[in-house]
Amino acid sequence: MALVDIRPTVRRRLSLVASIVVFIAVVLAVIFFADWPKIIQNFFNWSVIKKMWPNVILIALRNTLLYTIGTFVIGLLLATALALLKMSKGPLRWFAIVFIELFRGMPALLTIIIMVFAVPIAFGWRFPGGTIGGALLALILVTGAYTAEVIRAGIEAVPKGQREAARSLGMSGMQTTMSVILPQAFRIVIPPLTNELVTLLKDTSLVYIAGATFATKELTLFGKDASSTYANSSPYVVVAVLYLIVTIPMTYLVGRLEKKMAVRK
């Protein structure tokens, strides 16, 4: 019995040691055999990086954050309405089901292309904000569809006794939902909602397909244009670092929130 208990532990330790050895070997190979002057020239060219400042922060990063926050807030309102409709018993329930399945089933990029190019051509009018407005509307629809399922799960996770207690106090169905159920549901789904926010932040890079003026560029398009202008890949590194500066703290926050929720359970 002792041998049976020890063997899995030994295998795990050997696997860990082997992984560490391989990792160290790869790192040493990169350090000693990589063409560092060429790497620095093409990916860490300080003269190119300096030319991106301060516009990469004041325009590109600012727009990315504005697009993310605006889209998320409106998408969250849409998602709440869709979740409530899907849980209702009226005919609008089927509208919510079709809407959610449609925009969850299509790739976000395809939705943007339809909203930016197909819809204006088919109906002969433009969205407010032009192509950027159409792209952001597409992200709102996609965010609303995905987040609706998260909110619905949160509502269903609220104990039924909470609704019964509120109704016994004389609260109407709408009052119960808005004052008792939804606040508790949102507390439950804070971690997955934060995860959706991180995903949306990265999905704003798809807005590039709509084109943009200099003042409306987000990070990815700004980096792409800068890379083409200077014939260098350093702008992509700068953009990647800025994305990480924003997303890593958010991802860390999601982990902390999930641990707190697990402890409360």
C-alpha atoms as a PDB file:
ATOM      1  CA  MET A   1       0.000   0.000   0.000  1.00  0.00           C
ATOM      2  CA  ALA A   2       2.889   2.394   0.796  1.00  0.00           C
ATOM      3  CA  LEU A   3       4.363   1.926  -2.702  1.00  0.00           C
ATOM      4  CA  VAL A   4       1.012   2.650  -4.280  1.00  0.00           C
ATOM      5  CA  ASP A   5       0.733   5.900  -2.281  1.00  0.00           C
ATOM      6  CA  ILE A   6       4.296   7.016  -3.047  1.00  0.00           C
ATOM      7  CA  ARG A   7       4.393   6.394  -6.803  1.00  0.00           C
ATOM      8  CA  PRO A   8       1.934   9.129  -7.864  1.00  0.00           C
ATOM      9  CA  THR A   9       3.814  11.621  -5.667  1.00  0.00           C
ATOM     10  CA  VAL A  10       7.156  10.621  -7.154  1.00  0.00           C
ATOM     11  CA  ARG A  11       5.763  10.901 -10.682  1.00  0.00           C
ATOM     12  CA  ARG A  12       4.424  14.382  -9.960  1.00  0.00           C
ATOM     13  CA  ARG A  13       7.773  15.480  -8.541  1.00  0.00           C
ATOM     14  CA  LEU A  14       9.700  14.050 -11.490  1.00  0.00           C
ATOM     15  CA  SER A  15       7.291  15.738 -13.885  1.00  0.00           C
ATOM     16  CA  LEU A  16       7.758  19.068 -12.088  1.00  0.00           C
ATOM     17  CA  VAL A  17      11.552  18.723 -12.128  1.00  0.00           C
ATOM     18  CA  ALA A  18      11.510  17.818 -15.832  1.00  0.00           C
ATOM     19  CA  SER A  19       9.323  20.831 -16.616  1.00  0.00           C
ATOM     20  CA  ILE A  20      11.667  23.147 -14.717  1.00  0.00           C
ATOM     21  CA  VAL A  21      14.726  21.700 -16.497  1.00  0.00           C
ATOM     22  CA  VAL A  22      13.107  22.139 -19.917  1.00  0.00           C
ATOM     23  CA  PHE A  23      12.065  25.698 -19.061  1.00  0.00           C
ATOM     24  CA  ILE A  24      15.573  26.611 -17.897  1.00  0.00           C
ATOM     25  CA  ALA A  25      17.073  25.021 -21.025  1.00  0.00           C
ATOM     26  CA  VAL A  26      14.750  27.053 -23.273  1.00  0.00           C
ATOM     27  CA  VAL A  27      15.552  30.274 -21.401  1.00  0.00           C
ATOM     28  CA  LEU A  28      19.310  29.631 -21.638  1.00  0.00           C
ATOM     29  CA  ALA A  29      19.007  28.816 -25.343  1.00  0.00           C
ATOM     30  CA  VAL A  30      17.167  32.082 -25.950  1.00  0.00           C
ATOM     31  CA  ILE A  31      19.732  34.052 -23.912  1.00  0.00           C
ATOM     32  CA  PHE A  32      22.803  32.604 -25.607  1.00  0.00           C
ATOM     33  CA  PHE A  33      21.634  31.935 -29.170  1.00  0.00           C
ATOM     34  CA  ALA A  34      19.073  34.656 -29.923  1.00  0.00           C
ATOM     35  CA  ASP A  35      20.063  37.561 -32.159  1.00  0.00           C
ATOM     36  CA  TRP A  36      19.579  40.217 -29.464  1.00  0.00           C
ATOM     37  CA  PRO A  37      20.628  43.254 -31.518  1.00  0.00           C
ATOM     38  CA  LYS A  38      18.048  42.314 -34.157  1.00  0.00           C
ATOM     39  CA  ILE A  39      15.368  41.617 -31.529  1.00  0.00           C
ATOM     40  CA  ILE A  40      15.990  44.951 -29.814  1.00  0.00           C
ATOM     41  CA  GLN A  41      15.988  46.810 -33.135  1.00  0.00           C
ATOM     42  CA  ASN A  42      12.683  45.277 -34.254  1.00  0.00           C
ATOM     43  CA  PHE A  43      10.736  44.909 -31.000  1.00  0.00           C
ATOM     44  CA  PHE A  44      12.246  47.310 -28.453  1.00  0.00           C
ATOM     45  CA  ASN A  45      13.327  50.233 -30.599  1.00  0.00           C
ATOM     46  CA  TRP A  46      13.302  53.167 -28.211  1.00  0.00           C
ATOM     47  CA  SER A  47      13.337  55.790 -30.962  1.00  0.00           C
ATOM     48  CA  VAL A  48      10.129  54.328 -32.394  1.00  0.00           C
ATOM     49  CA  ILE A  49       8.518  53.936 -28.980  1.00  0.00           C
ATOM     50  CA  LYS A  50       9.192  57.591 -28.123  1.00  0.00           C
ATOM     51  CA  LYS A  51       7.339  58.703 -31.255  1.00  0.00           C
ATOM     52  CA  MET A  52       4.175  56.955 -29.997  1.00  0.00           C
ATOM     53  CA  TRP A  53       4.003  59.034 -26.830  1.00  0.00           C
ATOM     54  CA  PRO A  54       1.834  60.604 -25.539  1.00  0.00           C
ATOM     55  CA  ASN A  55      -0.804  59.760 -28.183  1.00  0.00           C
ATOM     56  CA  VAL A  56      -0.761  56.040 -27.391  1.00  0.00           C
ATOM     57  CA  ILE A  57      -2.014  56.939 -23.892  1.00  0.00           C
ATOM     58  CA  LEU A  58      -4.075  60.087 -24.487  1.00  0.00           C
ATOM     59  CA  ILE A  59      -5.837  58.746 -27.589  1.00  0.00           C
ATOM     60  CA  ALA A  60      -5.475  54.969 -28.035  1.00  0.00           C
ATOM     61  CA  LEU A  61      -5.653  53.776 -24.430  1.00  0.00           C
ATOM     62  CA  ARG A  62      -8.257  56.390 -23.536  1.00  0.00           C
ATOM     63  CA  ASN A  63     -10.493  55.315 -26.429  1.00  0.00           C
ATOM     64  CA  THR A  64     -10.072  51.646 -25.558  1.00  0.00           C
ATOM     65  CA  LEU A  65     -11.180  52.293 -21.984  1.00  0.00           C
ATOM     66  CA  LEU A  66     -14.056  54.543 -23.054  1.00  0.00           C
ATOM     67  CA  TYR A  67     -15.276  51.996 -25.610  1.00  0.00           C
ATOM     68  CA  THR A  68     -15.029  49.226 -23.015  1.00  0.00           C
ATOM     69  CA  ILE A  69     -16.794  51.051 -20.179  1.00  0.00           C
ATOM     70  CA  GLY A  70     -19.542  52.531 -22.372  1.00  0.00           C
ATOM     71  CA  THR A  71     -20.230  49.253 -24.133  1.00  0.00           C
ATOM     72  CA  PHE A  72     -20.225  47.289 -20.879  1.00  0.00           C
ATOM     73  CA  VAL A  73     -22.627  49.623 -19.065  1.00  0.00           C
ATOM     74  CA  ILE A  74     -25.166  49.677 -21.918  1.00  0.00           C
ATOM     75  CA  GLY A  75     -24.659  45.949 -22.539  1.00  0.00           C
ATOM     76  CA  LEU A  76     -25.292  45.247 -18.850  1.00  0.00           C
ATOM     77  CA  LEU A  77     -28.601  47.121 -18.955  1.00  0.00           C
ATOM     78  CA  LEU A  78     -29.581  45.192 -22.078  1.00  0.00           C
ATOM     79  CA  ALA A  79     -28.485  41.920 -20.480  1.00  0.00           C
ATOM     80  CA  THR A  80     -30.583  42.560 -17.366  1.00  0.00           C
ATOM     81  CA  ALA A  81     -33.674  43.176 -19.494  1.00  0.00           C
ATOM     82  CA  LEU A  82     -32.988  40.062 -21.588  1.00  0.00           C
ATOM     83  CA  ALA A  83     -32.447  37.900 -18.500  1.00  0.00           C
ATOM     84  CA  LEU A  84     -35.732  39.032 -16.954  1.00  0.00           C
ATOM     85  CA  LEU A  85     -37.591  38.518 -20.247  1.00  0.00           C
ATOM     86  CA  LYS A  86     -36.146  35.042 -20.669  1.00  0.00           C
ATOM     87  CA  MET A  87     -37.347  34.109 -17.180  1.00  0.00           C
ATOM     88  CA  SER A  88     -40.826  35.536 -17.803  1.00  0.00           C
ATOM     89  CA  LYS A  89     -43.790  33.540 -19.113  1.00  0.00           C
ATOM     90  CA  GLY A  90     -45.026  35.943 -21.787  1.00  0.00           C
ATOM     91  CA  PRO A  91     -44.371  35.925 -25.547  1.00  0.00           C
ATOM     92  CA  LEU A  92     -41.382  38.244 -25.107  1.00  0.00           C
ATOM     93  CA  ARG A  93     -39.592  35.294 -23.534  1.00  0.00           C
ATOM     94  CA  TRP A  94     -39.085  33.839 -27.014  1.00  0.00           C
ATOM     95  CA  PHE A  95     -37.735  37.137 -28.290  1.00  0.00           C
ATOM     96  CA  ALA A  96     -35.121  37.069 -25.526  1.00  0.00           C
ATOM     97  CA  ILE A  97     -34.229  33.433 -26.240  1.00  0.00           C
ATOM     98  CA  VAL A  98     -33.786  34.060 -29.981  1.00  0.00           C
ATOM     99  CA  PHE A  99     -31.787  37.247 -29.360  1.00  0.00           C
ATOM    100  CA  ILE A 100     -29.435  35.585 -26.870  1.00  0.00           C
ATOM    101  CA  GLU A 101     -28.844  32.498 -28.976  1.00  0.00           C
ATOM    102  CA  LEU A 102     -28.362  34.554 -32.163  1.00  0.00           C
ATOM    103  CA  PHE A 103     -25.709  36.917 -30.822  1.00  0.00           C
ATOM    104  CA  ARG A 104     -24.000  34.269 -28.724  1.00  0.00           C
ATOM    105  CA  GLY A 105     -23.835  31.969 -31.711  1.00  0.00           C
ATOM    106  CA  MET A 106     -22.283  34.452 -34.147  1.00  0.00           C
ATOM    107  CA  PRO A 107     -18.622  35.518 -33.872  1.00  0.00           C
ATOM    108  CA  ALA A 108     -18.254  39.079 -32.578  1.00  0.00           C
ATOM    109  CA  LEU A 109     -16.249  39.999 -35.692  1.00  0.00           C
ATOM    110  CA  LEU A 110     -19.077  38.872 -37.980  1.00  0.00           C
ATOM    111  CA  THR A 111     -21.591  40.864 -35.935  1.00  0.00           C
ATOM    112  CA  ILE A 112     -19.420  43.976 -36.309  1.00  0.00           C
ATOM    113  CA  ILE A 113     -19.117  43.465 -40.072  1.00  0.00           C
ATOM    114  CA  ILE A 114     -22.906  43.126 -40.403  1.00  0.00           C
ATOM    115  CA  MET A 115     -23.595  46.239 -38.325  1.00  0.00           C
ATOM    116  CA  VAL A 116     -20.885  48.358 -39.937  1.00  0.00           C
ATOM    117  CA  PHE A 117     -21.277  47.368 -43.582  1.00  0.00           C
ATOM    118  CA  ALA A 118     -24.363  45.230 -44.273  1.00  0.00           C
ATOM    119  CA  VAL A 119     -27.042  47.090 -42.299  1.00  0.00           C
ATOM    120  CA  PRO A 120     -26.207  50.615 -43.614  1.00  0.00           C
ATOM    121  CA  ILE A 121     -26.117  49.325 -47.201  1.00  0.00           C
ATOM    122  CA  ALA A 122     -29.366  47.375 -46.820  1.00  0.00           C
ATOM    123  CA  PHE A 123     -31.346  50.201 -45.204  1.00  0.00           C
ATOM    124  CA  GLY A 124     -29.522  53.228 -46.640  1.00  0.00           C
ATOM    125  CA  TRP A 125     -28.706  54.951 -43.351  1.00  0.00           C
ATOM    126  CA  ARG A 126     -25.790  55.196 -40.935  1.00  0.00           C
ATOM    127  CA  PHE A 127     -25.604  54.594 -37.219  1.00  0.00           C
ATOM    128  CA  PRO A 128     -24.909  57.585 -34.957  1.00  0.00           C
ATOM    129  CA  GLY A 129     -21.139  57.790 -34.684  1.00  0.00           C
ATOM    130  CA  GLY A 130     -20.613  56.344 -38.166  1.00  0.00           C
ATOM    131  CA  THR A 131     -18.696  53.096 -38.525  1.00  0.00           C
ATOM    132  CA  ILE A 132     -17.334  53.304 -34.973  1.00  0.00           C
ATOM    133  CA  GLY A 133     -20.895  53.679 -33.674  1.00  0.00           C
ATOM    134  CA  GLY A 134     -21.961  50.599 -35.640  1.00  0.00           C
ATOM    135  CA  ALA A 135     -19.035  48.572 -34.329  1.00  0.00           C
ATOM    136  CA  LEU A 136     -19.751  49.569 -30.730  1.00  0.00           C
ATOM    137  CA  LEU A 137     -23.436  48.730 -31.171  1.00  0.00           C
ATOM    138  CA  ALA A 138     -22.391  45.267 -32.353  1.00  0.00           C
ATOM    139  CA  LEU A 139     -20.263  44.813 -29.224  1.00  0.00           C
ATOM    140  CA  ILE A 140     -23.190  45.983 -27.079  1.00  0.00           C
ATOM    141  CA  LEU A 141     -25.442  43.341 -28.645  1.00  0.00           C
ATOM    142  CA  VAL A 142     -22.866  40.591 -28.164  1.00  0.00           C
ATOM    143  CA  THR A 143     -22.103  41.695 -24.589  1.00  0.00           C
ATOM    144  CA  GLY A 144     -25.804  41.839 -23.784  1.00  0.00           C
ATOM    145  CA  ALA A 145     -26.359  38.309 -25.085  1.00  0.00           C
ATOM    146  CA  TYR A 146     -23.457  36.754 -23.181  1.00  0.00           C
ATOM    147  CA  THR A 147     -24.006  38.693 -19.969  1.00  0.00           C
ATOM    148  CA  ALA A 148     -27.735  37.925 -19.957  1.00  0.00           C
ATOM    149  CA  GLU A 149     -26.967  34.278 -19.240  1.00  0.00           C
ATOM    150  CA  VAL A 150     -24.625  35.279 -16.411  1.00  0.00           C
ATOM    151  CA  ILE A 151     -27.302  37.461 -14.816  1.00  0.00           C
ATOM    152  CA  ARG A 152     -29.967  34.806 -15.294  1.00  0.00           C
ATOM    153  CA  ALA A 153     -27.762  32.312 -13.441  1.00  0.00           C
ATOM    154  CA  GLY A 154     -27.313  34.840 -10.650  1.00  0.00           C
ATOM    155  CA  ILE A 155     -31.054  35.407 -10.332  1.00  0.00           C
ATOM    156  CA  GLU A 156     -31.695  31.667 -10.180  1.00  0.00           C
ATOM    157  CA  ALA A 157     -29.014  31.337  -7.486  1.00  0.00           C
ATOM    158  CA  VAL A 158     -30.901  33.681  -5.128  1.00  0.00           C
ATOM    159  CA  PRO A 159     -32.819  31.530  -2.607  1.00  0.00           C
ATOM    160  CA  LYS A 160     -36.537  31.363  -3.385  1.00  0.00           C
ATOM    161  CA  GLY A 161     -37.283  32.257   0.214  1.00  0.00           C
ATOM    162  CA  GLN A 162     -36.041  35.775  -0.460  1.00  0.00           C
ATOM    163  CA  ARG A 163     -38.793  36.371  -3.017  1.00  0.00           C
ATOM    164  CA  GLU A 164     -41.431  34.777  -0.816  1.00  0.00           C
ATOM    165  CA  ALA A 165     -40.379  36.892   2.159  1.00  0.00           C
ATOM    166  CA  ALA A 166     -40.510  40.090   0.106  1.00  0.00           C
ATOM    167  CA  ARG A 167     -43.963  39.257  -1.268  1.00  0.00           C
ATOM    168  CA  SER A 168     -45.216  38.455   2.227  1.00  0.00           C
ATOM    169  CA  LEU A 169     -44.228  42.009   3.234  1.00  0.00           C
ATOM    170  CA  GLY A 170     -46.575  43.365   0.585  1.00  0.00           C
ATOM    171  CA  MET A 171     -43.994  44.159  -2.105  1.00  0.00           C
ATOM    172  CA  SER A 172     -45.118  43.839  -5.709  1.00  0.00           C
ATOM    173  CA  GLY A 173     -43.410  41.500  -8.151  1.00  0.00           C
ATOM    174  CA  MET A 174     -41.481  44.377  -9.765  1.00  0.00           C
ATOM    175  CA  GLN A 175     -40.435  45.810  -6.391  1.00  0.00           C
ATOM    176  CA  THR A 176     -39.265  42.395  -5.266  1.00  0.00           C
ATOM    177  CA  THR A 177     -37.221  41.892  -8.408  1.00  0.00           C
ATOM    178  CA  MET A 178     -35.630  45.354  -8.419  1.00  0.00           C
ATOM    179  CA  SER A 179     -35.061  45.810  -4.678  1.00  0.00           C
ATOM    180  CA  VAL A 180     -34.416  42.279  -3.421  1.00  0.00           C
ATOM    181  CA  ILE A 181     -33.573  39.786  -6.161  1.00  0.00           C
ATOM    182  CA  LEU A 182     -31.383  41.783  -8.566  1.00  0.00           C
ATOM    183  CA  PRO A 183     -29.076  43.306  -5.900  1.00  0.00           C
ATOM    184  CA  GLN A 184     -28.357  39.834  -4.522  1.00  0.00           C
ATOM    185  CA  ALA A 185     -27.978  38.357  -8.004  1.00  0.00           C
ATOM    186  CA  PHE A 186     -25.431  41.010  -9.001  1.00  0.00           C
ATOM    187  CA  ARG A 187     -23.379  40.336  -5.867  1.00  0.00           C
ATOM    188  CA  ILE A 188     -23.299  36.649  -6.766  1.00  0.00           C
ATOM    189  CA  VAL A 189     -22.178  37.217 -10.362  1.00  0.00           C
ATOM    190  CA  ILE A 190     -19.561  39.929  -9.740  1.00  0.00           C
ATOM    191  CA  PRO A 191     -16.650  37.555 -10.605  1.00  0.00           C
ATOM    192  CA  PRO A 192     -18.061  36.366 -13.968  1.00  0.00           C
ATOM    193  CA  LEU A 193     -19.167  39.918 -14.790  1.00  0.00           C
ATOM    194  CA  THR A 194     -15.628  41.132 -14.189  1.00  0.00           C
ATOM    195  CA  ASN A 195     -14.435  38.336 -16.454  1.00  0.00           C
ATOM    196  CA  GLU A 196     -16.827  39.539 -19.152  1.00  0.00           C
ATOM    197  CA  LEU A 197     -15.404  43.047 -18.737  1.00  0.00           C
ATOM    198  CA  VAL A 198     -11.870  41.740 -19.323  1.00  0.00           C
ATOM    199  CA  THR A 199     -13.047  39.873 -22.426  1.00  0.00           C
ATOM    200  CA  LEU A 200     -14.814  42.969 -23.707  1.00  0.00           C
ATOM    201  CA  LEU A 201     -11.690  45.072 -23.204  1.00  0.00           C
ATOM    202  CA  LYS A 202      -9.821  42.747 -25.548  1.00  0.00           C
ATOM    203  CA  ASP A 203     -12.748  42.518 -27.977  1.00  0.00           C
ATOM    204  CA  THR A 204     -12.628  46.286 -28.530  1.00  0.00           C
ATOM    205  CA  SER A 205      -9.603  45.496 -30.704  1.00  0.00           C
ATOM    206  CA  LEU A 206     -12.106  44.175 -33.276  1.00  0.00           C
ATOM    207  CA  VAL A 207     -13.350  47.729 -33.811  1.00  0.00           C
ATOM    208  CA  TYR A 208     -10.355  48.202 -36.130  1.00  0.00           C
ATOM    209  CA  ILE A 209     -12.335  46.475 -38.894  1.00  0.00           C
ATOM    210  CA  ALA A 210     -14.624  49.516 -39.051  1.00  0.00           C
ATOM    211  CA  GLY A 211     -11.760  51.924 -39.699  1.00  0.00           C
ATOM    212  CA  ALA A 212     -11.228  55.064 -37.660  1.00  0.00           C
ATOM    213  CA  THR A 213      -9.931  58.595 -37.692  1.00  0.00           C
ATOM    214  CA  PHE A 214      -6.777  59.391 -35.743  1.00  0.00           C
ATOM    215  CA  ALA A 215      -8.860  60.679 -32.826  1.00  0.00           C
ATOM    216  CA  THR A 216     -11.034  57.526 -32.613  1.00  0.00           C
ATOM    217  CA  LYS A 217      -8.347  54.829 -32.843  1.00  0.00           C
ATOM    218  CA  GLU A 218      -8.172  52.201 -30.120  1.00  0.00           C
ATOM    219  CA  LEU A 219      -4.978  50.450 -29.038  1.00  0.00           C
ATOM    220  CA  THR A 220      -4.776  47.696 -31.646  1.00  0.00           C
ATOM    221  CA  LEU A 221      -5.412  49.937 -34.647  1.00  0.00           C
ATOM    222  CA  PHE A 222      -3.068  52.588 -33.253  1.00  0.00           C
ATOM    223  CA  GLY A 223      -0.317  49.977 -32.898  1.00  0.00           C
ATOM    224  CA  LYS A 224      -0.991  48.534 -36.358  1.00  0.00           C
ATOM    225  CA  ASP A 225      -0.795  51.947 -38.033  1.00  0.00           C
ATOM    226  CA  ALA A 226       2.306  52.947 -36.070  1.00  0.00           C
ATOM    227  CA  SER A 227       4.008  49.686 -37.019  1.00  0.00           C
ATOM    228  CA  SER A 228       3.255  50.309 -40.695  1.00  0.00           C
ATOM    229  CA  THR A 229       4.401  53.935 -40.484  1.00  0.00           C
ATOM    230  CA  TYR A 230       7.756  53.157 -38.864  1.00  0.00           C
ATOM    231  CA  ALA A 231       8.254  49.704 -40.474  1.00  0.00           C
ATOM    232  CA  ASN A 232       8.933  48.290 -37.030  1.00  0.00           C
ATOM    233  CA  SER A 233       7.208  45.907 -34.610  1.00  0.00           C
ATOM    234  CA  SER A 234       7.950  47.882 -31.433  1.00  0.00           C
ATOM    235  CA  PRO A 235       4.456  49.508 -31.441  1.00  0.00           C
ATOM    236  CA  TYR A 236       2.891  46.063 -31.050  1.00  0.00           C
ATOM    237  CA  VAL A 237       5.007  45.449 -27.941  1.00  0.00           C
ATOM    238  CA  VAL A 238       3.921  48.779 -26.460  1.00  0.00           C
ATOM    239  CA  VAL A 239       0.265  48.003 -27.149  1.00  0.00           C
ATOM    240  CA  ALA A 240       0.600  44.506 -25.649  1.00  0.00           C
ATOM    241  CA  VAL A 241       2.176  45.936 -22.489  1.00  0.00           C
ATOM    242  CA  LEU A 242      -0.634  48.479 -22.109  1.00  0.00           C
ATOM    243  CA  TYR A 243      -3.257  45.743 -22.480  1.00  0.00           C
ATOM    244  CA  LEU A 244      -1.472  43.707 -19.802  1.00  0.00           C
ATOM    245  CA  ILE A 245      -1.221  46.699 -17.465  1.00  0.00           C
ATOM    246  CA  VAL A 246      -5.010  46.962 -17.593  1.00  0.00           C
ATOM    247  CA  THR A 247      -6.032  43.296 -17.758  1.00  0.00           C
ATOM    248  CA  ILE A 248      -3.669  41.711 -15.198  1.00  0.00           C
ATOM    249  CA  PRO A 249      -5.045  43.712 -12.220  1.00  0.00           C
ATOM    250  CA  MET A 250      -8.578  42.955 -13.408  1.00  0.00           C
ATOM    251  CA  THR A 251      -7.797  39.242 -13.701  1.00  0.00           C
ATOM    252  CA  TYR A 252      -6.239  39.314 -10.228  1.00  0.00           C
ATOM    253  CA  LEU A 253      -9.385  41.008  -8.926  1.00  0.00           C
ATOM    254  CA  VAL A 254     -11.536  38.250 -10.440  1.00  0.00           C
ATOM    255  CA  GLY A 255      -9.452  35.629  -8.628  1.00  0.00           C
ATOM    256  CA  ARG A 256      -9.803  37.439  -5.302  1.00  0.00           C
ATOM    257  CA  LEU A 257     -13.534  37.858  -5.734  1.00  0.00           C
ATOM    258  CA  GLU A 258     -13.988  34.176  -6.599  1.00  0.00           C
ATOM    259  CA  LYS A 259     -12.048  33.157  -3.473  1.00  0.00           C
ATOM    260  CA  LYS A 260     -14.181  35.444  -1.293  1.00  0.00           C
ATOM    261  CA  MET A 261     -17.359  34.037  -2.798  1.00  0.00           C
ATOM    262  CA  ALA A 262     -16.108  30.485  -2.203  1.00  0.00           C
ATOM    263  CA  VAL A 263     -15.354  31.276   1.466  1.00  0.00           C
ATOM    264  CA  ARG A 264     -18.824  32.752   1.978  1.00  0.00           C
ATOM    265  CA  LYS A 265     -20.400  29.575   0.613  1.00  0.00           C
END
